[in-house]
Amino acid sequence: MSDIREKIEEIDEKLQKEGWKFYGAILHYDKAWKNQASVYIKNGKYIVSGISSDGENILNDPISEKDAKKRVKESLQEIKKHLFNS
């Protein structure tokens, strides 16, 4: 588990050094490890980043602005639902 966490932190650090900014989380992305990934934005472009579903590779998929905003909003609503209904 800590290996995955370290990989995710390394990916985040690398992306931020390249000018990408964290935009939000996606809880249901089937190409990502445990279906969880992050969305980053740079110069009006969006990517989904994280660890691939097999836990071995780095995931960097382009995503449309509309889809990024929709998925992040849905994930935030789900997080809120779990926080306030538990």
PDB file of N, CA and C in Angstrom:
ATOM      1  N   MET A   1       0.824  -1.201   0.000  1.00  0.00           N
ATOM      2  CA  MET A   1       0.000   0.000   0.000  1.00  0.00           C
ATOM      3  C   MET A   1       0.859   1.251   0.000  1.00  0.00           C
ATOM      4  N   SER A   2       1.913   1.272   0.813  1.00  0.00           N
ATOM      5  CA  SER A   2       2.757   2.465   0.860  1.00  0.00           C
ATOM      6  C   SER A   2       3.485   2.672  -0.466  1.00  0.00           C
ATOM      7  N   ASP A   3       3.778   1.572  -1.194  1.00  0.00           N
ATOM      8  CA  ASP A   3       4.395   1.717  -2.510  1.00  0.00           C
ATOM      9  C   ASP A   3       3.489   2.496  -3.453  1.00  0.00           C
ATOM     10  N   ILE A   4       2.204   2.181  -3.448  1.00  0.00           N
ATOM     11  CA  ILE A   4       1.237   2.877  -4.295  1.00  0.00           C
ATOM     12  C   ILE A   4       1.145   4.342  -3.866  1.00  0.00           C
ATOM     13  N   ARG A   5       1.058   4.579  -2.578  1.00  0.00           N
ATOM     14  CA  ARG A   5       0.975   5.953  -2.064  1.00  0.00           C
ATOM     15  C   ARG A   5       2.206   6.751  -2.499  1.00  0.00           C
ATOM     16  N   GLU A   6       3.383   6.146  -2.396  1.00  0.00           N
ATOM     17  CA  GLU A   6       4.614   6.820  -2.811  1.00  0.00           C
ATOM     18  C   GLU A   6       4.596   7.117  -4.307  1.00  0.00           C
ATOM     19  N   LYS A   7       4.110   6.166  -5.119  1.00  0.00           N
ATOM     20  CA  LYS A   7       4.013   6.387  -6.561  1.00  0.00           C
ATOM     21  C   LYS A   7       3.084   7.555  -6.868  1.00  0.00           C
ATOM     22  N   ILE A   8       1.948   7.596  -6.181  1.00  0.00           N
ATOM     23  CA  ILE A   8       0.977   8.667  -6.407  1.00  0.00           C
ATOM     24  C   ILE A   8       1.586  10.013  -6.021  1.00  0.00           C
ATOM     25  N   GLU A   9       2.284  10.066  -4.918  1.00  0.00           N
ATOM     26  CA  GLU A   9       2.935  11.308  -4.489  1.00  0.00           C
ATOM     27  C   GLU A   9       4.006  11.738  -5.494  1.00  0.00           C
ATOM     28  N   GLU A  10       4.751  10.776  -6.029  1.00  0.00           N
ATOM     29  CA  GLU A  10       5.769  11.088  -7.040  1.00  0.00           C
ATOM     30  C   GLU A  10       5.127  11.636  -8.314  1.00  0.00           C
ATOM     31  N   ILE A  11       4.025  11.025  -8.726  1.00  0.00           N
ATOM     32  CA  ILE A  11       3.315  11.499  -9.923  1.00  0.00           C
ATOM     33  C   ILE A  11       2.827  12.918  -9.705  1.00  0.00           C
ATOM     34  N   ASP A  12       2.224  13.175  -8.542  1.00  0.00           N
ATOM     35  CA  ASP A  12       1.722  14.514  -8.230  1.00  0.00           C
ATOM     36  C   ASP A  12       2.843  15.546  -8.254  1.00  0.00           C
ATOM     37  N   GLU A  13       3.950  15.213  -7.615  1.00  0.00           N
ATOM     38  CA  GLU A  13       5.095  16.124  -7.567  1.00  0.00           C
ATOM     39  C   GLU A  13       5.622  16.415  -8.974  1.00  0.00           C
ATOM     40  N   LYS A  14       5.741  15.382  -9.794  1.00  0.00           N
ATOM     41  CA  LYS A  14       6.232  15.537 -11.157  1.00  0.00           C
ATOM     42  C   LYS A  14       5.294  16.434 -11.978  1.00  0.00           C
ATOM     43  N   LEU A  15       4.006  16.157 -11.887  1.00  0.00           N
ATOM     44  CA  LEU A  15       3.039  16.952 -12.644  1.00  0.00           C
ATOM     45  C   LEU A  15       3.072  18.418 -12.211  1.00  0.00           C
ATOM     46  N   GLN A  16       3.146  18.658 -10.904  1.00  0.00           N
ATOM     47  CA  GLN A  16       3.184  20.044 -10.434  1.00  0.00           C
ATOM     48  C   GLN A  16       4.452  20.758 -10.897  1.00  0.00           C
ATOM     49  N   LYS A  17       5.571  20.055 -10.934  1.00  0.00           N
ATOM     50  CA  LYS A  17       6.813  20.653 -11.438  1.00  0.00           C
ATOM     51  C   LYS A  17       6.694  21.001 -12.922  1.00  0.00           C
ATOM     52  N   GLU A  18       5.857  20.225 -13.646  1.00  0.00           N
ATOM     53  CA  GLU A  18       5.638  20.478 -15.068  1.00  0.00           C
ATOM     54  C   GLU A  18       4.561  21.541 -15.309  1.00  0.00           C
ATOM     55  N   GLY A  19       4.015  22.097 -14.227  1.00  0.00           N
ATOM     56  CA  GLY A  19       3.038  23.175 -14.359  1.00  0.00           C
ATOM     57  C   GLY A  19       1.582  22.751 -14.286  1.00  0.00           C
ATOM     58  N   TRP A  20       1.326  21.473 -14.064  1.00  0.00           N
ATOM     59  CA  TRP A  20      -0.048  21.002 -13.921  1.00  0.00           C
ATOM     60  C   TRP A  20      -0.543  21.345 -12.527  1.00  0.00           C
ATOM     61  N   LYS A  21      -1.823  21.703 -12.422  1.00  0.00           N
ATOM     62  CA  LYS A  21      -2.424  22.013 -11.128  1.00  0.00           C
ATOM     63  C   LYS A  21      -3.516  20.988 -10.829  1.00  0.00           C
ATOM     64  N   PHE A  22      -3.529  20.528  -9.591  1.00  0.00           N
ATOM     65  CA  PHE A  22      -4.551  19.580  -9.164  1.00  0.00           C
ATOM     66  C   PHE A  22      -5.918  20.241  -9.280  1.00  0.00           C
ATOM     67  N   TYR A  23      -6.861  19.556  -9.918  1.00  0.00           N
ATOM     68  CA  TYR A  23      -8.206  20.093 -10.112  1.00  0.00           C
ATOM     69  C   TYR A  23      -9.226  19.369  -9.225  1.00  0.00           C
ATOM     70  N   GLY A  24      -9.050  18.069  -9.045  1.00  0.00           N
ATOM     71  CA  GLY A  24      -9.990  17.325  -8.212  1.00  0.00           C
ATOM     72  C   GLY A  24      -9.780  15.829  -8.341  1.00  0.00           C
ATOM     73  N   ALA A  25     -10.603  15.096  -7.604  1.00  0.00           N
ATOM     74  CA  ALA A  25     -10.504  13.642  -7.596  1.00  0.00           C
ATOM     75  C   ALA A  25     -11.652  13.017  -8.376  1.00  0.00           C
ATOM     76  N   ILE A  26     -11.381  11.848  -8.924  1.00  0.00           N
ATOM     77  CA  ILE A  26     -12.405  11.042  -9.571  1.00  0.00           C
ATOM     78  C   ILE A  26     -12.451   9.708  -8.832  1.00  0.00           C
ATOM     79  N   LEU A  27     -13.636   9.342  -8.376  1.00  0.00           N
ATOM     80  CA  LEU A  27     -13.769   8.103  -7.609  1.00  0.00           C
ATOM     81  C   LEU A  27     -14.117   6.891  -8.466  1.00  0.00           C
ATOM     82  N   HIS A  28     -14.565   7.111  -9.676  1.00  0.00           N
ATOM     83  CA  HIS A  28     -14.999   5.997 -10.524  1.00  0.00           C
ATOM     84  C   HIS A  28     -14.369   6.103 -11.909  1.00  0.00           C
ATOM     85  N   TYR A  29     -13.109   5.735 -11.995  1.00  0.00           N
ATOM     86  CA  TYR A  29     -12.396   5.758 -13.274  1.00  0.00           C
ATOM     87  C   TYR A  29     -11.810   4.375 -13.472  1.00  0.00           C
ATOM     88  N   ASP A  30     -12.447   3.574 -14.337  1.00  0.00           N
ATOM     89  CA  ASP A  30     -12.116   2.149 -14.429  1.00  0.00           C
ATOM     90  C   ASP A  30     -10.696   1.835 -14.874  1.00  0.00           C
ATOM     91  N   LYS A  31     -10.008   2.783 -15.464  1.00  0.00           N
ATOM     92  CA  LYS A  31      -8.624   2.546 -15.882  1.00  0.00           C
ATOM     93  C   LYS A  31      -7.621   2.768 -14.747  1.00  0.00           C
ATOM     94  N   ALA A  32      -8.109   3.262 -13.604  1.00  0.00           N
ATOM     95  CA  ALA A  32      -7.227   3.622 -12.488  1.00  0.00           C
ATOM     96  C   ALA A  32      -7.269   2.586 -11.371  1.00  0.00           C
ATOM     97  N   TRP A  33      -6.180   2.535 -10.606  1.00  0.00           N
ATOM     98  CA  TRP A  33      -6.050   1.631  -9.471  1.00  0.00           C
ATOM     99  C   TRP A  33      -7.170   1.931  -8.475  1.00  0.00           C
ATOM    100  N   LYS A  34      -7.910   0.920  -8.104  1.00  0.00           N
ATOM    101  CA  LYS A  34      -9.063   1.032  -7.215  1.00  0.00           C
ATOM    102  C   LYS A  34     -10.067   2.069  -7.715  1.00  0.00           C
ATOM    103  N   ASN A  35     -10.066   2.305  -9.028  1.00  0.00           N
ATOM    104  CA  ASN A  35     -10.991   3.242  -9.700  1.00  0.00           C
ATOM    105  C   ASN A  35     -10.835   4.689  -9.231  1.00  0.00           C
ATOM    106  N   GLN A  36      -9.708   5.026  -8.630  1.00  0.00           N
ATOM    107  CA  GLN A  36      -9.500   6.372  -8.105  1.00  0.00           C
ATOM    108  C   GLN A  36      -8.352   7.057  -8.837  1.00  0.00           C
ATOM    109  N   ALA A  37      -8.610   8.282  -9.260  1.00  0.00           N
ATOM    110  CA  ALA A  37      -7.596   9.040  -9.992  1.00  0.00           C
ATOM    111  C   ALA A  37      -7.755  10.524  -9.655  1.00  0.00           C
ATOM    112  N   SER A  38      -6.854  11.318 -10.180  1.00  0.00           N
ATOM    113  CA  SER A  38      -6.893  12.773  -9.994  1.00  0.00           C
ATOM    114  C   SER A  38      -6.988  13.456 -11.345  1.00  0.00           C
ATOM    115  N   VAL A  39      -7.593  14.620 -11.345  1.00  0.00           N
ATOM    116  CA  VAL A  39      -7.667  15.441 -12.550  1.00  0.00           C
ATOM    117  C   VAL A  39      -6.739  16.627 -12.347  1.00  0.00           C
ATOM    118  N   TYR A  40      -5.967  16.929 -13.386  1.00  0.00           N
ATOM    119  CA  TYR A  40      -5.059  18.076 -13.380  1.00  0.00           C
ATOM    120  C   TYR A  40      -5.381  18.953 -14.579  1.00  0.00           C
ATOM    121  N   ILE A  41      -5.069  20.248 -14.452  1.00  0.00           N
ATOM    122  CA  ILE A  41      -5.309  21.196 -15.531  1.00  0.00           C
ATOM    123  C   ILE A  41      -4.030  21.995 -15.801  1.00  0.00           C
ATOM    124  N   LYS A  42      -3.796  22.270 -17.085  1.00  0.00           N
ATOM    125  CA  LYS A  42      -2.655  23.093 -17.493  1.00  0.00           C
ATOM    126  C   LYS A  42      -2.995  23.698 -18.851  1.00  0.00           C
ATOM    127  N   ASN A  43      -2.916  25.012 -18.943  1.00  0.00           N
ATOM    128  CA  ASN A  43      -3.168  25.724 -20.202  1.00  0.00           C
ATOM    129  C   ASN A  43      -4.490  25.320 -20.846  1.00  0.00           C
ATOM    130  N   GLY A  44      -5.523  25.158 -20.035  1.00  0.00           N
ATOM    131  CA  GLY A  44      -6.840  24.815 -20.546  1.00  0.00           C
ATOM    132  C   GLY A  44      -7.020  23.356 -20.929  1.00  0.00           C
ATOM    133  N   LYS A  45      -6.010  22.534 -20.698  1.00  0.00           N
ATOM    134  CA  LYS A  45      -6.100  21.105 -20.999  1.00  0.00           C
ATOM    135  C   LYS A  45      -6.217  20.336 -19.692  1.00  0.00           C
ATOM    136  N   TYR A  46      -6.951  19.237 -19.748  1.00  0.00           N
ATOM    137  CA  TYR A  46      -7.188  18.409 -18.571  1.00  0.00           C
ATOM    138  C   TYR A  46      -6.653  17.005 -18.815  1.00  0.00           C
ATOM    139  N   ILE A  47      -6.124  16.400 -17.741  1.00  0.00           N
ATOM    140  CA  ILE A  47      -5.714  14.998 -17.805  1.00  0.00           C
ATOM    141  C   ILE A  47      -6.199  14.287 -16.546  1.00  0.00           C
ATOM    142  N   VAL A  48      -6.418  12.985 -16.694  1.00  0.00           N
ATOM    143  CA  VAL A  48      -6.681  12.118 -15.548  1.00  0.00           C
ATOM    144  C   VAL A  48      -5.366  11.417 -15.264  1.00  0.00           C
ATOM    145  N   SER A  49      -4.919  11.502 -14.027  1.00  0.00           N
ATOM    146  CA  SER A  49      -3.629  10.928 -13.687  1.00  0.00           C
ATOM    147  C   SER A  49      -3.737  10.077 -12.431  1.00  0.00           C
ATOM    148  N   GLY A  50      -2.846   9.117 -12.348  1.00  0.00           N
ATOM    149  CA  GLY A  50      -2.791   8.237 -11.199  1.00  0.00           C
ATOM    150  C   GLY A  50      -2.036   6.978 -11.562  1.00  0.00           C
ATOM    151  N   ILE A  51      -2.395   5.891 -10.908  1.00  0.00           N
ATOM    152  CA  ILE A  51      -1.794   4.586 -11.159  1.00  0.00           C
ATOM    153  C   ILE A  51      -2.791   3.777 -11.981  1.00  0.00           C
ATOM    154  N   SER A  52      -2.290   3.057 -12.965  1.00  0.00           N
ATOM    155  CA  SER A  52      -3.159   2.233 -13.809  1.00  0.00           C
ATOM    156  C   SER A  52      -3.842   1.147 -12.971  1.00  0.00           C
ATOM    157  N   SER A  53      -4.908   0.597 -13.503  1.00  0.00           N
ATOM    158  CA  SER A  53      -5.698  -0.392 -12.759  1.00  0.00           C
ATOM    159  C   SER A  53      -4.887  -1.621 -12.343  1.00  0.00           C
ATOM    160  N   ASP A  54      -3.828  -1.942 -13.082  1.00  0.00           N
ATOM    161  CA  ASP A  54      -2.999  -3.087 -12.697  1.00  0.00           C
ATOM    162  C   ASP A  54      -1.979  -2.731 -11.612  1.00  0.00           C
ATOM    163  N   GLY A  55      -1.905  -1.447 -11.245  1.00  0.00           N
ATOM    164  CA  GLY A  55      -0.994  -1.006 -10.190  1.00  0.00           C
ATOM    165  C   GLY A  55       0.453  -0.884 -10.633  1.00  0.00           C
ATOM    166  N   GLU A  56       0.697  -1.032 -11.936  1.00  0.00           N
ATOM    167  CA  GLU A  56       2.072  -1.072 -12.431  1.00  0.00           C
ATOM    168  C   GLU A  56       2.514   0.158 -13.215  1.00  0.00           C
ATOM    169  N   ASN A  57       1.588   0.840 -13.860  1.00  0.00           N
ATOM    170  CA  ASN A  57       1.950   1.927 -14.770  1.00  0.00           C
ATOM    171  C   ASN A  57       1.345   3.254 -14.339  1.00  0.00           C
ATOM    172  N   ILE A  58       1.888   4.320 -14.904  1.00  0.00           N
ATOM    173  CA  ILE A  58       1.356   5.653 -14.656  1.00  0.00           C
ATOM    174  C   ILE A  58       0.249   5.928 -15.663  1.00  0.00           C
ATOM    175  N   LEU A  59      -0.831   6.466 -15.166  1.00  0.00           N
ATOM    176  CA  LEU A  59      -1.987   6.798 -15.982  1.00  0.00           C
ATOM    177  C   LEU A  59      -1.969   8.295 -16.270  1.00  0.00           C
ATOM    178  N   ASN A  60      -2.000   8.676 -17.524  1.00  0.00           N
ATOM    179  CA  ASN A  60      -2.110  10.079 -17.942  1.00  0.00           C
ATOM    180  C   ASN A  60      -3.006  10.135 -19.169  1.00  0.00           C
ATOM    181  N   ASP A  61      -4.319  10.186 -18.934  1.00  0.00           N
ATOM    182  CA  ASP A  61      -5.290  10.207 -20.021  1.00  0.00           C
ATOM    183  C   ASP A  61      -5.842  11.609 -20.213  1.00  0.00           C
ATOM    184  N   PRO A  62      -5.875  12.088 -21.456  1.00  0.00           N
ATOM    185  CA  PRO A  62      -6.544  13.366 -21.689  1.00  0.00           C
ATOM    186  C   PRO A  62      -8.048  13.207 -21.419  1.00  0.00           C
ATOM    187  N   ILE A  63      -8.667  14.276 -20.972  1.00  0.00           N
ATOM    188  CA  ILE A  63     -10.103  14.281 -20.685  1.00  0.00           C
ATOM    189  C   ILE A  63     -10.632  15.664 -21.062  1.00  0.00           C
ATOM    190  N   SER A  64     -11.846  15.728 -21.563  1.00  0.00           N
ATOM    191  CA  SER A  64     -12.417  17.016 -21.940  1.00  0.00           C
ATOM    192  C   SER A  64     -12.729  17.841 -20.693  1.00  0.00           C
ATOM    193  N   GLU A  65     -12.763  19.136 -20.855  1.00  0.00           N
ATOM    194  CA  GLU A  65     -13.098  20.019 -19.740  1.00  0.00           C
ATOM    195  C   GLU A  65     -14.481  19.665 -19.182  1.00  0.00           C
ATOM    196  N   LYS A  66     -15.427  19.456 -20.066  1.00  0.00           N
ATOM    197  CA  LYS A  66     -16.796  19.136 -19.647  1.00  0.00           C
ATOM    198  C   LYS A  66     -16.830  17.848 -18.830  1.00  0.00           C
ATOM    199  N   ASP A  67     -16.158  16.807 -19.304  1.00  0.00           N
ATOM    200  CA  ASP A  67     -16.145  15.533 -18.597  1.00  0.00           C
ATOM    201  C   ASP A  67     -15.389  15.649 -17.273  1.00  0.00           C
ATOM    202  N   ALA A  68     -14.291  16.387 -17.273  1.00  0.00           N
ATOM    203  CA  ALA A  68     -13.516  16.572 -16.034  1.00  0.00           C
ATOM    204  C   ALA A  68     -14.375  17.238 -14.971  1.00  0.00           C
ATOM    205  N   LYS A  69     -15.044  18.313 -15.342  1.00  0.00           N
ATOM    206  CA  LYS A  69     -15.878  19.034 -14.378  1.00  0.00           C
ATOM    207  C   LYS A  69     -17.028  18.166 -13.879  1.00  0.00           C
ATOM    208  N   LYS A  70     -17.648  17.417 -14.784  1.00  0.00           N
ATOM    209  CA  LYS A  70     -18.761  16.548 -14.414  1.00  0.00           C
ATOM    210  C   LYS A  70     -18.302  15.464 -13.444  1.00  0.00           C
ATOM    211  N   ARG A  71     -17.199  14.796 -13.766  1.00  0.00           N
ATOM    212  CA  ARG A  71     -16.723  13.693 -12.924  1.00  0.00           C
ATOM    213  C   ARG A  71     -16.252  14.172 -11.554  1.00  0.00           C
ATOM    214  N   VAL A  72     -15.576  15.314 -11.502  1.00  0.00           N
ATOM    215  CA  VAL A  72     -15.118  15.846 -10.222  1.00  0.00           C
ATOM    216  C   VAL A  72     -16.321  16.247  -9.369  1.00  0.00           C
ATOM    217  N   LYS A  73     -17.310  16.865  -9.994  1.00  0.00           N
ATOM    218  CA  LYS A  73     -18.514  17.271  -9.262  1.00  0.00           C
ATOM    219  C   LYS A  73     -19.245  16.046  -8.703  1.00  0.00           C
ATOM    220  N   GLU A  74     -19.391  15.003  -9.515  1.00  0.00           N
ATOM    221  CA  GLU A  74     -20.048  13.776  -9.050  1.00  0.00           C
ATOM    222  C   GLU A  74     -19.282  13.146  -7.888  1.00  0.00           C
ATOM    223  N   SER A  75     -17.970  13.137  -7.987  1.00  0.00           N
ATOM    224  CA  SER A  75     -17.150  12.551  -6.922  1.00  0.00           C
ATOM    225  C   SER A  75     -17.268  13.360  -5.637  1.00  0.00           C
ATOM    226  N   LEU A  76     -17.277  14.674  -5.761  1.00  0.00           N
ATOM    227  CA  LEU A  76     -17.419  15.534  -4.583  1.00  0.00           C
ATOM    228  C   LEU A  76     -18.781  15.311  -3.920  1.00  0.00           C
ATOM    229  N   GLN A  77     -19.827  15.170  -4.727  1.00  0.00           N
ATOM    230  CA  GLN A  77     -21.159  14.906  -4.168  1.00  0.00           C
ATOM    231  C   GLN A  77     -21.183  13.573  -3.427  1.00  0.00           C
ATOM    232  N   GLU A  78     -20.520  12.573  -3.984  1.00  0.00           N
ATOM    233  CA  GLU A  78     -20.471  11.263  -3.330  1.00  0.00           C
ATOM    234  C   GLU A  78     -19.697  11.337  -2.017  1.00  0.00           C
ATOM    235  N   ILE A  79     -18.592  12.059  -2.010  1.00  0.00           N
ATOM    236  CA  ILE A  79     -17.807  12.230  -0.776  1.00  0.00           C
ATOM    237  C   ILE A  79     -18.653  12.916   0.282  1.00  0.00           C
ATOM    238  N   LYS A  80     -19.351  13.983  -0.101  1.00  0.00           N
ATOM    239  CA  LYS A  80     -20.207  14.692   0.847  1.00  0.00           C
ATOM    240  C   LYS A  80     -21.295  13.781   1.401  1.00  0.00           C
ATOM    241  N   LYS A  81     -21.874  12.955   0.530  1.00  0.00           N
ATOM    242  CA  LYS A  81     -22.935  12.044   0.950  1.00  0.00           C
ATOM    243  C   LYS A  81     -22.400  11.084   2.022  1.00  0.00           C
ATOM    244  N   HIS A  82     -21.201  10.553   1.815  1.00  0.00           N
ATOM    245  CA  HIS A  82     -20.615   9.625   2.783  1.00  0.00           C
ATOM    246  C   HIS A  82     -20.251  10.333   4.088  1.00  0.00           C
ATOM    247  N   LEU A  83     -19.771  11.545   3.986  1.00  0.00           N
ATOM    248  CA  LEU A  83     -19.380  12.283   5.195  1.00  0.00           C
ATOM    249  C   LEU A  83     -20.575  12.628   6.050  1.00  0.00           C
ATOM    250  N   PHE A  84     -21.647  13.063   5.437  1.00  0.00           N
ATOM    251  CA  PHE A  84     -22.784  13.576   6.209  1.00  0.00           C
ATOM    252  C   PHE A  84     -23.848  12.534   6.508  1.00  0.00           C
ATOM    253  N   ASN A  85     -23.783  11.371   5.876  1.00  0.00           N
ATOM    254  CA  ASN A  85     -24.770  10.331   6.134  1.00  0.00           C
ATOM    255  C   ASN A  85     -24.226   9.197   6.988  1.00  0.00           C
ATOM    256  N   SER A  86     -22.951   9.286   7.398  1.00  0.00           N
ATOM    257  CA  SER A  86     -22.412   8.186   8.186  1.00  0.00           C
ATOM    258  C   SER A  86     -22.503   8.426   9.655  1.00  0.00           C
TER     259      SER A  86
END
